[in-house]
Amino acid sequence: MLSTRPDTRLVIRPKVGHSDREMQKPADTVAWTVPPAKHALARGDYSFLQREIDELLKVFRINLDPKSASYRELGLAMLLSGVCPT
């Protein structure tokens, strides 16, 4: 069903691959998440990813003290992999 609202655009999906919007959405996300992550990495501030770290540990059922050196290493490794993917 087509919308009759003037502010709605009809998105034509290509037969193969992603639409323009599907390609733009991840680029927009990267544009606003990478700069703060770079600043956090420069400061060694892994608290930027605290929720993601805790969720990852929960998924894999790993009990790691947030004050431990291993938690810090994990946080910095996750931050580095997000900022400088190889």
Protein backbone atom coordinates (compact mmCIF):
# COMPACT_ATOMS: atom_id res chain seq x y z
CA MET A 1 0.00 0.00 0.00
CA LEU A 2 1.37 3.40 -0.93
CA SER A 3 1.24 6.26 1.51
CA THR A 4 -0.56 9.45 0.50
CA ARG A 5 1.37 11.56 3.01
CA PRO A 6 3.51 14.17 1.24
CA ASP A 7 6.49 13.69 3.61
CA THR A 8 6.81 10.01 2.81
CA ARG A 9 9.08 8.88 0.01
CA LEU A 10 8.63 5.71 -1.93
CA VAL A 11 11.78 3.63 -1.50
CA ILE A 12 12.50 1.49 -4.50
CA ARG A 13 14.44 -1.55 -3.42
CA PRO A 14 17.04 -2.83 -5.86
CA LYS A 15 16.69 -6.38 -7.12
CA VAL A 16 20.12 -7.22 -5.76
CA GLY A 17 22.00 -5.61 -2.89
CA HIS A 18 21.03 -2.84 -0.51
CA SER A 19 19.00 0.30 -1.06
CA ASP A 20 20.64 3.72 -0.73
CA ARG A 21 19.12 4.11 2.73
CA GLU A 22 20.44 0.73 3.86
CA MET A 23 23.91 1.83 2.80
CA GLN A 24 23.66 5.30 4.36
CA LYS A 25 22.37 4.20 7.77
CA PRO A 26 25.57 2.45 8.95
CA ALA A 27 27.67 5.33 7.61
CA ASP A 28 25.59 7.78 9.65
CA THR A 29 26.04 5.66 12.77
CA VAL A 30 29.80 5.50 12.30
CA ALA A 31 29.97 9.24 11.73
CA TRP A 32 28.65 10.05 15.20
CA THR A 33 30.10 7.14 17.20
CA VAL A 34 33.72 6.94 16.04
CA PRO A 35 34.91 10.46 17.03
CA PRO A 36 33.93 10.09 20.71
CA ALA A 37 35.40 6.57 20.70
CA LYS A 38 38.70 7.94 19.37
CA HIS A 39 38.80 10.49 22.20
CA ALA A 40 38.01 7.77 24.74
CA LEU A 41 40.78 5.57 23.31
CA ALA A 42 43.27 8.44 23.46
CA ARG A 43 42.45 8.86 27.15
CA GLY A 44 42.35 5.11 27.81
CA ASP A 45 38.75 5.54 28.96
CA TYR A 46 37.05 2.21 28.33
CA SER A 47 33.99 3.29 30.36
CA PHE A 48 32.72 4.57 26.99
CA LEU A 49 31.84 0.92 26.27
CA GLN A 50 30.83 -0.15 29.77
CA ARG A 51 27.37 -1.42 28.78
CA GLU A 52 28.73 -3.31 25.76
CA ILE A 53 31.49 -4.90 27.85
CA ASP A 54 29.04 -5.99 30.54
CA GLU A 55 26.63 -7.39 27.94
CA LEU A 56 29.41 -9.33 26.25
CA LEU A 57 30.54 -10.82 29.56
CA LYS A 58 26.93 -11.72 30.39
CA VAL A 59 26.35 -13.43 27.02
CA PHE A 60 29.44 -15.59 27.45
CA ARG A 61 28.77 -16.12 31.16
CA ILE A 62 32.08 -14.68 32.22
CA ASN A 63 32.38 -13.28 35.73
CA LEU A 64 35.03 -10.57 35.59
CA ASP A 65 35.60 -7.94 38.25
CA PRO A 66 35.19 -4.47 36.70
CA LYS A 67 38.17 -3.29 38.77
CA SER A 68 40.49 -6.01 37.47
CA ALA A 69 43.32 -5.59 34.97
CA SER A 70 41.64 -8.13 32.67
CA TYR A 71 38.48 -6.03 32.50
CA ARG A 72 40.59 -3.00 31.58
CA GLU A 73 42.42 -4.97 28.89
CA LEU A 74 39.12 -6.20 27.45
CA GLY A 75 37.68 -2.68 27.45
CA LEU A 76 40.70 -1.20 25.70
CA ALA A 77 40.80 -4.06 23.16
CA MET A 78 37.11 -3.54 22.34
CA LEU A 79 37.61 0.21 22.06
CA LEU A 80 40.63 -0.27 19.79
CA SER A 81 38.83 -2.76 17.56
CA GLY A 82 35.91 -0.36 17.13
CA VAL A 83 38.07 2.65 16.32
CA CYS A 84 40.76 0.93 14.24
CA PRO A 85 39.19 -2.12 12.59
CA THR A 86 41.69 -4.26 10.71
